[in-house]
Amino acid sequence: CLGEKKAMFYGAFWCSHCQDQKKAFGSAASLLPYVECSTPDSRGTTAECKEKGIQGYPTWEFADGSRETGKLSLERLSEKTACPLPS
């Protein structure tokens, strides 16, 4: 649902908060609309994330153009996207 609602999760593989965010989705984490911002050597930022002006991880961008940085609760993501919470 998050991808359908044009939400995007920008993160880095070395970011502990990003790892925590993914864990909140359990087995569905692989379905997240995710963009890796770190270069493989973890020393740089990818061109896509530079162009988007992503400065902290995790960063969520929503269909309305708004952004929130930091690990978001499933409830907050539901509020921002109108995606239903898992039951």
PDB file of N, CA and C in Angstrom:
ATOM      1  N   CYS A   1       0.821  -1.204   0.000  1.00  0.00           N
ATOM      2  CA  CYS A   1       0.000   0.000   0.000  1.00  0.00           C
ATOM      3  C   CYS A   1       0.863   1.265   0.000  1.00  0.00           C
ATOM      4  N   LEU A   2       1.986   1.241   0.728  1.00  0.00           N
ATOM      5  CA  LEU A   2       2.826   2.446   0.805  1.00  0.00           C
ATOM      6  C   LEU A   2       3.320   2.870  -0.573  1.00  0.00           C
ATOM      7  N   GLY A   3       3.739   1.914  -1.371  1.00  0.00           N
ATOM      8  CA  GLY A   3       4.194   2.219  -2.722  1.00  0.00           C
ATOM      9  C   GLY A   3       3.070   2.751  -3.593  1.00  0.00           C
ATOM     10  N   GLU A   4       1.891   2.154  -3.454  1.00  0.00           N
ATOM     11  CA  GLU A   4       0.727   2.608  -4.217  1.00  0.00           C
ATOM     12  C   GLU A   4       0.358   4.035  -3.857  1.00  0.00           C
ATOM     13  N   LYS A   5       0.618   4.419  -2.618  1.00  0.00           N
ATOM     14  CA  LYS A   5       0.297   5.770  -2.136  1.00  0.00           C
ATOM     15  C   LYS A   5       1.452   6.741  -2.345  1.00  0.00           C
ATOM     16  N   LYS A   6       2.461   6.311  -3.101  1.00  0.00           N
ATOM     17  CA  LYS A   6       3.607   7.151  -3.478  1.00  0.00           C
ATOM     18  C   LYS A   6       4.469   7.578  -2.292  1.00  0.00           C
ATOM     19  N   ALA A   7       4.529   6.736  -1.261  1.00  0.00           N
ATOM     20  CA  ALA A   7       5.453   6.981  -0.154  1.00  0.00           C
ATOM     21  C   ALA A   7       6.795   6.356  -0.530  1.00  0.00           C
ATOM     22  N   MET A   8       7.886   6.979  -0.108  1.00  0.00           N
ATOM     23  CA  MET A   8       9.213   6.454  -0.407  1.00  0.00           C
ATOM     24  C   MET A   8      10.085   6.541   0.841  1.00  0.00           C
ATOM     25  N   PHE A   9      10.810   5.479   1.091  1.00  0.00           N
ATOM     26  CA  PHE A   9      11.687   5.344   2.254  1.00  0.00           C
ATOM     27  C   PHE A   9      13.126   5.420   1.746  1.00  0.00           C
ATOM     28  N   TYR A  10      13.845   6.450   2.174  1.00  0.00           N
ATOM     29  CA  TYR A  10      15.252   6.625   1.819  1.00  0.00           C
ATOM     30  C   TYR A  10      16.101   6.262   3.023  1.00  0.00           C
ATOM     31  N   GLY A  11      17.100   5.423   2.808  1.00  0.00           N
ATOM     32  CA  GLY A  11      17.930   5.002   3.923  1.00  0.00           C
ATOM     33  C   GLY A  11      19.309   4.576   3.480  1.00  0.00           C
ATOM     34  N   ALA A  12      20.052   4.021   4.430  1.00  0.00           N
ATOM     35  CA  ALA A  12      21.400   3.529   4.182  1.00  0.00           C
ATOM     36  C   ALA A  12      21.565   2.195   4.896  1.00  0.00           C
ATOM     37  N   PHE A  13      22.265   1.283   4.245  1.00  0.00           N
ATOM     38  CA  PHE A  13      22.400  -0.063   4.805  1.00  0.00           C
ATOM     39  C   PHE A  13      23.081  -0.066   6.165  1.00  0.00           C
ATOM     40  N   TRP A  14      23.922   0.917   6.460  1.00  0.00           N
ATOM     41  CA  TRP A  14      24.655   0.964   7.719  1.00  0.00           C
ATOM     42  C   TRP A  14      23.889   1.704   8.825  1.00  0.00           C
ATOM     43  N   CYS A  15      22.714   2.217   8.512  1.00  0.00           N
ATOM     44  CA  CYS A  15      21.926   3.039   9.445  1.00  0.00           C
ATOM     45  C   CYS A  15      21.094   2.152  10.378  1.00  0.00           C
ATOM     46  N   SER A  16      21.383   2.211  11.678  1.00  0.00           N
ATOM     47  CA  SER A  16      20.659   1.361  12.635  1.00  0.00           C
ATOM     48  C   SER A  16      19.180   1.734  12.714  1.00  0.00           C
ATOM     49  N   HIS A  17      18.854   3.012  12.571  1.00  0.00           N
ATOM     50  CA  HIS A  17      17.443   3.423  12.610  1.00  0.00           C
ATOM     51  C   HIS A  17      16.697   2.894  11.387  1.00  0.00           C
ATOM     52  N   CYS A  18      17.387   2.830  10.252  1.00  0.00           N
ATOM     53  CA  CYS A  18      16.784   2.272   9.034  1.00  0.00           C
ATOM     54  C   CYS A  18      16.524   0.777   9.227  1.00  0.00           C
ATOM     55  N   GLN A  19      17.472   0.087   9.838  1.00  0.00           N
ATOM     56  CA  GLN A  19      17.295  -1.339  10.111  1.00  0.00           C
ATOM     57  C   GLN A  19      16.116  -1.557  11.047  1.00  0.00           C
ATOM     58  N   ASP A  20      15.990  -0.693  12.065  1.00  0.00           N
ATOM     59  CA  ASP A  20      14.856  -0.784  12.993  1.00  0.00           C
ATOM     60  C   ASP A  20      13.542  -0.530  12.260  1.00  0.00           C
ATOM     61  N   GLN A  21      13.548   0.451  11.343  1.00  0.00           N
ATOM     62  CA  GLN A  21      12.343   0.760  10.578  1.00  0.00           C
ATOM     63  C   GLN A  21      11.920  -0.461   9.767  1.00  0.00           C
ATOM     64  N   LYS A  22      12.873  -1.102   9.109  1.00  0.00           N
ATOM     65  CA  LYS A  22      12.563  -2.289   8.317  1.00  0.00           C
ATOM     66  C   LYS A  22      12.026  -3.417   9.202  1.00  0.00           C
ATOM     67  N   LYS A  23      12.614  -3.588  10.394  1.00  0.00           N
ATOM     68  CA  LYS A  23      12.171  -4.652  11.308  1.00  0.00           C
ATOM     69  C   LYS A  23      10.718  -4.475  11.712  1.00  0.00           C
ATOM     70  N   ALA A  24      10.247  -3.225  11.774  1.00  0.00           N
ATOM     71  CA  ALA A  24       8.855  -2.964  12.160  1.00  0.00           C
ATOM     72  C   ALA A  24       7.875  -3.582  11.153  1.00  0.00           C
ATOM     73  N   PHE A  25       8.362  -3.845   9.932  1.00  0.00           N
ATOM     74  CA  PHE A  25       7.514  -4.425   8.897  1.00  0.00           C
ATOM     75  C   PHE A  25       7.641  -5.938   8.810  1.00  0.00           C
ATOM     76  N   GLY A  26       8.529  -6.509   9.609  1.00  0.00           N
ATOM     77  CA  GLY A  26       8.688  -7.957   9.630  1.00  0.00           C
ATOM     78  C   GLY A  26       8.977  -8.521   8.251  1.00  0.00           C
ATOM     79  N   SER A  27       8.268  -9.594   7.903  1.00  0.00           N
ATOM     80  CA  SER A  27       8.512 -10.276   6.629  1.00  0.00           C
ATOM     81  C   SER A  27       8.108  -9.424   5.424  1.00  0.00           C
ATOM     82  N   ALA A  28       7.338  -8.367   5.642  1.00  0.00           N
ATOM     83  CA  ALA A  28       6.926  -7.487   4.546  1.00  0.00           C
ATOM     84  C   ALA A  28       7.978  -6.415   4.232  1.00  0.00           C
ATOM     85  N   ALA A  29       9.080  -6.383   4.964  1.00  0.00           N
ATOM     86  CA  ALA A  29      10.110  -5.355   4.754  1.00  0.00           C
ATOM     87  C   ALA A  29      10.630  -5.355   3.320  1.00  0.00           C
ATOM     88  N   SER A  30      10.695  -6.521   2.713  1.00  0.00           N
ATOM     89  CA  SER A  30      11.209  -6.599   1.338  1.00  0.00           C
ATOM     90  C   SER A  30      10.278  -5.920   0.335  1.00  0.00           C
ATOM     91  N   LEU A  31       9.056  -5.641   0.740  1.00  0.00           N
ATOM     92  CA  LEU A  31       8.078  -4.990  -0.137  1.00  0.00           C
ATOM     93  C   LEU A  31       8.083  -3.469   0.000  1.00  0.00           C
ATOM     94  N   LEU A  32       8.869  -2.947   0.932  1.00  0.00           N
ATOM     95  CA  LEU A  32       8.894  -1.496   1.153  1.00  0.00           C
ATOM     96  C   LEU A  32       9.394  -0.745  -0.080  1.00  0.00           C
ATOM     97  N   PRO A  33       8.833   0.438  -0.338  1.00  0.00           N
ATOM     98  CA  PRO A  33       9.352   1.296  -1.414  1.00  0.00           C
ATOM     99  C   PRO A  33      10.612   1.989  -0.911  1.00  0.00           C
ATOM    100  N   TYR A  34      11.752   1.337  -1.094  1.00  0.00           N
ATOM    101  CA  TYR A  34      13.009   1.733  -0.452  1.00  0.00           C
ATOM    102  C   TYR A  34      14.038   2.161  -1.491  1.00  0.00           C
ATOM    103  N   VAL A  35      14.768   3.238  -1.169  1.00  0.00           N
ATOM    104  CA  VAL A  35      15.892   3.690  -1.986  1.00  0.00           C
ATOM    105  C   VAL A  35      17.138   3.692  -1.110  1.00  0.00           C
ATOM    106  N   GLU A  36      18.155   2.963  -1.551  1.00  0.00           N
ATOM    107  CA  GLU A  36      19.437   2.931  -0.852  1.00  0.00           C
ATOM    108  C   GLU A  36      20.223   4.190  -1.223  1.00  0.00           C
ATOM    109  N   CYS A  37      20.599   4.964  -0.211  1.00  0.00           N
ATOM    110  CA  CYS A  37      21.292   6.233  -0.442  1.00  0.00           C
ATOM    111  C   CYS A  37      22.804   6.137  -0.284  1.00  0.00           C
ATOM    112  N   SER A  38      23.290   5.078   0.311  1.00  0.00           N
ATOM    113  CA  SER A  38      24.731   4.955   0.547  1.00  0.00           C
ATOM    114  C   SER A  38      25.417   4.268  -0.626  1.00  0.00           C
ATOM    115  N   THR A  39      26.599   4.733  -0.928  1.00  0.00           N
ATOM    116  CA  THR A  39      27.436   4.008  -1.881  1.00  0.00           C
ATOM    117  C   THR A  39      27.909   2.721  -1.210  1.00  0.00           C
ATOM    118  N   PRO A  40      28.276   1.709  -1.989  1.00  0.00           N
ATOM    119  CA  PRO A  40      28.672   0.423  -1.393  1.00  0.00           C
ATOM    120  C   PRO A  40      29.796   0.511  -0.369  1.00  0.00           C
ATOM    121  N   ASP A  41      30.687   1.483  -0.520  1.00  0.00           N
ATOM    122  CA  ASP A  41      31.779   1.617   0.453  1.00  0.00           C
ATOM    123  C   ASP A  41      31.372   2.410   1.691  1.00  0.00           C
ATOM    124  N   SER A  42      30.116   2.834   1.757  1.00  0.00           N
ATOM    125  CA  SER A  42      29.512   3.600   2.864  1.00  0.00           C
ATOM    126  C   SER A  42      30.144   4.970   3.072  1.00  0.00           C
ATOM    127  N   ARG A  43      30.888   5.465   2.099  1.00  0.00           N
ATOM    128  CA  ARG A  43      31.558   6.762   2.243  1.00  0.00           C
ATOM    129  C   ARG A  43      30.867   7.882   1.487  1.00  0.00           C
ATOM    130  N   GLY A  44      29.900   7.539   0.659  1.00  0.00           N
ATOM    131  CA  GLY A  44      29.265   8.565  -0.155  1.00  0.00           C
ATOM    132  C   GLY A  44      27.764   8.387  -0.246  1.00  0.00           C
ATOM    133  N   THR A  45      27.145   9.296  -0.974  1.00  0.00           N
ATOM    134  CA  THR A  45      25.696   9.297  -1.178  1.00  0.00           C
ATOM    135  C   THR A  45      25.410   9.126  -2.661  1.00  0.00           C
ATOM    136  N   THR A  46      24.406   8.340  -2.976  1.00  0.00           N
ATOM    137  CA  THR A  46      24.061   8.113  -4.377  1.00  0.00           C
ATOM    138  C   THR A  46      23.534   9.396  -5.021  1.00  0.00           C
ATOM    139  N   ALA A  47      23.635   9.457  -6.332  1.00  0.00           N
ATOM    140  CA  ALA A  47      23.182  10.637  -7.080  1.00  0.00           C
ATOM    141  C   ALA A  47      21.699  10.905  -6.842  1.00  0.00           C
ATOM    142  N   GLU A  48      20.885   9.858  -6.822  1.00  0.00           N
ATOM    143  CA  GLU A  48      19.437  10.039  -6.623  1.00  0.00           C
ATOM    144  C   GLU A  48      19.140  10.726  -5.296  1.00  0.00           C
ATOM    145  N   CYS A  49      19.814  10.314  -4.247  1.00  0.00           N
ATOM    146  CA  CYS A  49      19.562  10.897  -2.926  1.00  0.00           C
ATOM    147  C   CYS A  49      20.133  12.306  -2.820  1.00  0.00           C
ATOM    148  N   LYS A  50      21.243  12.567  -3.494  1.00  0.00           N
ATOM    149  CA  LYS A  50      21.778  13.932  -3.538  1.00  0.00           C
ATOM    150  C   LYS A  50      20.791  14.852  -4.241  1.00  0.00           C
ATOM    151  N   GLU A  51      20.272  14.398  -5.394  1.00  0.00           N
ATOM    152  CA  GLU A  51      19.310  15.207  -6.159  1.00  0.00           C
ATOM    153  C   GLU A  51      18.051  15.497  -5.351  1.00  0.00           C
ATOM    154  N   LYS A  52      17.632  14.526  -4.536  1.00  0.00           N
ATOM    155  CA  LYS A  52      16.438  14.692  -3.704  1.00  0.00           C
ATOM    156  C   LYS A  52      16.713  15.520  -2.450  1.00  0.00           C
ATOM    157  N   GLY A  53      17.989  15.762  -2.148  1.00  0.00           N
ATOM    158  CA  GLY A  53      18.333  16.533  -0.959  1.00  0.00           C
ATOM    159  C   GLY A  53      18.146  15.763   0.336  1.00  0.00           C
ATOM    160  N   ILE A  54      18.268  14.448   0.275  1.00  0.00           N
ATOM    161  CA  ILE A  54      18.117  13.619   1.471  1.00  0.00           C
ATOM    162  C   ILE A  54      19.349  13.844   2.352  1.00  0.00           C
ATOM    163  N   GLN A  55      19.105  14.263   3.594  1.00  0.00           N
ATOM    164  CA  GLN A  55      20.224  14.592   4.476  1.00  0.00           C
ATOM    165  C   GLN A  55      20.312  13.729   5.720  1.00  0.00           C
ATOM    166  N   GLY A  56      19.266  12.998   6.029  1.00  0.00           N
ATOM    167  CA  GLY A  56      19.278  12.137   7.209  1.00  0.00           C
ATOM    168  C   GLY A  56      18.521  10.865   6.921  1.00  0.00           C
ATOM    169  N   TYR A  57      18.812   9.843   7.715  1.00  0.00           N
ATOM    170  CA  TYR A  57      18.175   8.539   7.502  1.00  0.00           C
ATOM    171  C   TYR A  57      17.529   8.042   8.785  1.00  0.00           C
ATOM    172  N   PRO A  58      16.426   7.368   8.684  1.00  0.00           N
ATOM    173  CA  PRO A  58      15.604   7.233   7.495  1.00  0.00           C
ATOM    174  C   PRO A  58      14.845   8.521   7.188  1.00  0.00           C
ATOM    175  N   THR A  59      14.572   8.753   5.924  1.00  0.00           N
ATOM    176  CA  THR A  59      13.700   9.843   5.491  1.00  0.00           C
ATOM    177  C   THR A  59      12.547   9.237   4.705  1.00  0.00           C
ATOM    178  N   TRP A  60      11.350   9.618   5.066  1.00  0.00           N
ATOM    179  CA  TRP A  60      10.149   9.217   4.325  1.00  0.00           C
ATOM    180  C   TRP A  60       9.657  10.426   3.539  1.00  0.00           C
ATOM    181  N   GLU A  61       9.338  10.212   2.274  1.00  0.00           N
ATOM    182  CA  GLU A  61       8.751  11.253   1.438  1.00  0.00           C
ATOM    183  C   GLU A  61       7.370  10.761   1.016  1.00  0.00           C
ATOM    184  N   PHE A  62       6.403  11.670   1.062  1.00  0.00           N
ATOM    185  CA  PHE A  62       5.014  11.300   0.797  1.00  0.00           C
ATOM    186  C   PHE A  62       4.490  11.977  -0.464  1.00  0.00           C
ATOM    187  N   ALA A  63       3.352  11.492  -0.945  1.00  0.00           N
ATOM    188  CA  ALA A  63       2.771  11.958  -2.208  1.00  0.00           C
ATOM    189  C   ALA A  63       2.546  13.467  -2.232  1.00  0.00           C
ATOM    190  N   ASP A  64       2.272  14.056  -1.068  1.00  0.00           N
ATOM    191  CA  ASP A  64       2.023  15.503  -1.014  1.00  0.00           C
ATOM    192  C   ASP A  64       3.315  16.314  -1.013  1.00  0.00           C
ATOM    193  N   GLY A  65       4.471  15.625  -1.101  1.00  0.00           N
ATOM    194  CA  GLY A  65       5.762  16.312  -1.113  1.00  0.00           C
ATOM    195  C   GLY A  65       6.367  16.508   0.258  1.00  0.00           C
ATOM    196  N   SER A  66       5.619  16.208   1.302  1.00  0.00           N
ATOM    197  CA  SER A  66       6.145  16.376   2.657  1.00  0.00           C
ATOM    198  C   SER A  66       7.138  15.263   2.970  1.00  0.00           C
ATOM    199  N   ARG A  67       8.000  15.544   3.946  1.00  0.00           N
ATOM    200  CA  ARG A  67       8.997  14.574   4.397  1.00  0.00           C
ATOM    201  C   ARG A  67       9.018  14.515   5.906  1.00  0.00           C
ATOM    202  N   GLU A  68       9.356  13.337   6.400  1.00  0.00           N
ATOM    203  CA  GLU A  68       9.606  13.158   7.830  1.00  0.00           C
ATOM    204  C   GLU A  68      10.865  12.323   7.963  1.00  0.00           C
ATOM    205  N   THR A  69      11.740  12.739   8.871  1.00  0.00           N
ATOM    206  CA  THR A  69      13.001  12.041   9.089  1.00  0.00           C
ATOM    207  C   THR A  69      12.954  11.334  10.432  1.00  0.00           C
ATOM    208  N   GLY A  70      13.515  10.154  10.460  1.00  0.00           N
ATOM    209  CA  GLY A  70      13.529   9.344  11.673  1.00  0.00           C
ATOM    210  C   GLY A  70      12.619   8.145  11.507  1.00  0.00           C
ATOM    211  N   LYS A  71      12.764   7.205  12.414  1.00  0.00           N
ATOM    212  CA  LYS A  71      11.922   6.007  12.374  1.00  0.00           C
ATOM    213  C   LYS A  71      10.480   6.408  12.688  1.00  0.00           C
ATOM    214  N   LEU A  72       9.564   6.075  11.788  1.00  0.00           N
ATOM    215  CA  LEU A  72       8.159   6.411  11.986  1.00  0.00           C
ATOM    216  C   LEU A  72       7.388   5.186  12.450  1.00  0.00           C
ATOM    217  N   SER A  73       6.407   5.411  13.292  1.00  0.00           N
ATOM    218  CA  SER A  73       5.557   4.313  13.738  1.00  0.00           C
ATOM    219  C   SER A  73       4.646   3.887  12.590  1.00  0.00           C
ATOM    220  N   LEU A  74       4.169   2.661  12.665  1.00  0.00           N
ATOM    221  CA  LEU A  74       3.220   2.191  11.654  1.00  0.00           C
ATOM    222  C   LEU A  74       1.968   3.060  11.677  1.00  0.00           C
ATOM    223  N   GLU A  75       1.601   3.532  12.863  1.00  0.00           N
ATOM    224  CA  GLU A  75       0.430   4.406  12.983  1.00  0.00           C
ATOM    225  C   GLU A  75       0.648   5.713  12.230  1.00  0.00           C
ATOM    226  N   ARG A  76       1.826   6.297  12.359  1.00  0.00           N
ATOM    227  CA  ARG A  76       2.123   7.554  11.658  1.00  0.00           C
ATOM    228  C   ARG A  76       2.143   7.344  10.151  1.00  0.00           C
ATOM    229  N   LEU A  77       2.731   6.257   9.703  1.00  0.00           N
ATOM    230  CA  LEU A  77       2.733   5.967   8.268  1.00  0.00           C
ATOM    231  C   LEU A  77       1.314   5.766   7.755  1.00  0.00           C
ATOM    232  N   SER A  78       0.480   5.144   8.548  1.00  0.00           N
ATOM    233  CA  SER A  78      -0.921   4.962   8.174  1.00  0.00           C
ATOM    234  C   SER A  78      -1.635   6.313   8.070  1.00  0.00           C
ATOM    235  N   GLU A  79      -1.359   7.211   9.025  1.00  0.00           N
ATOM    236  CA  GLU A  79      -1.969   8.554   8.995  1.00  0.00           C
ATOM    237  C   GLU A  79      -1.555   9.313   7.735  1.00  0.00           C
ATOM    238  N   LYS A  80      -0.278   9.221   7.358  1.00  0.00           N
ATOM    239  CA  LYS A  80       0.251   9.982   6.227  1.00  0.00           C
ATOM    240  C   LYS A  80      -0.189   9.412   4.876  1.00  0.00           C
ATOM    241  N   THR A  81      -0.516   8.120   4.830  1.00  0.00           N
ATOM    242  CA  THR A  81      -0.781   7.473   3.551  1.00  0.00           C
ATOM    243  C   THR A  81      -2.203   6.923   3.401  1.00  0.00           C
ATOM    244  N   ALA A  82      -2.946   6.841   4.481  1.00  0.00           N
ATOM    245  CA  ALA A  82      -4.263   6.197   4.510  1.00  0.00           C
ATOM    246  C   ALA A  82      -4.167   4.694   4.237  1.00  0.00           C
ATOM    247  N   CYS A  83      -2.984   4.132   4.420  1.00  0.00           N
ATOM    248  CA  CYS A  83      -2.830   2.672   4.330  1.00  0.00           C
ATOM    249  C   CYS A  83      -3.335   2.063   5.631  1.00  0.00           C
ATOM    250  N   PRO A  84      -4.104   0.993   5.542  1.00  0.00           N
ATOM    251  CA  PRO A  84      -4.606   0.366   6.773  1.00  0.00           C
ATOM    252  C   PRO A  84      -3.495  -0.306   7.566  1.00  0.00           C
ATOM    253  N   LEU A  85      -3.625  -0.286   8.871  1.00  0.00           N
ATOM    254  CA  LEU A  85      -2.682  -0.984   9.740  1.00  0.00           C
ATOM    255  C   LEU A  85      -2.967  -2.473   9.664  1.00  0.00           C
ATOM    256  N   PRO A  86      -1.922  -3.297   9.799  1.00  0.00           N
ATOM    257  CA  PRO A  86      -2.161  -4.739   9.809  1.00  0.00           C
ATOM    258  C   PRO A  86      -2.974  -5.119  11.045  1.00  0.00           C
ATOM    259  N   SER A  87      -3.788  -6.127  10.886  1.00  0.00           N
ATOM    260  CA  SER A  87      -4.614  -6.531  12.039  1.00  0.00           C
ATOM    261  C   SER A  87      -4.004  -7.672  12.797  1.00  0.00           C
TER     262      SER A  87
END
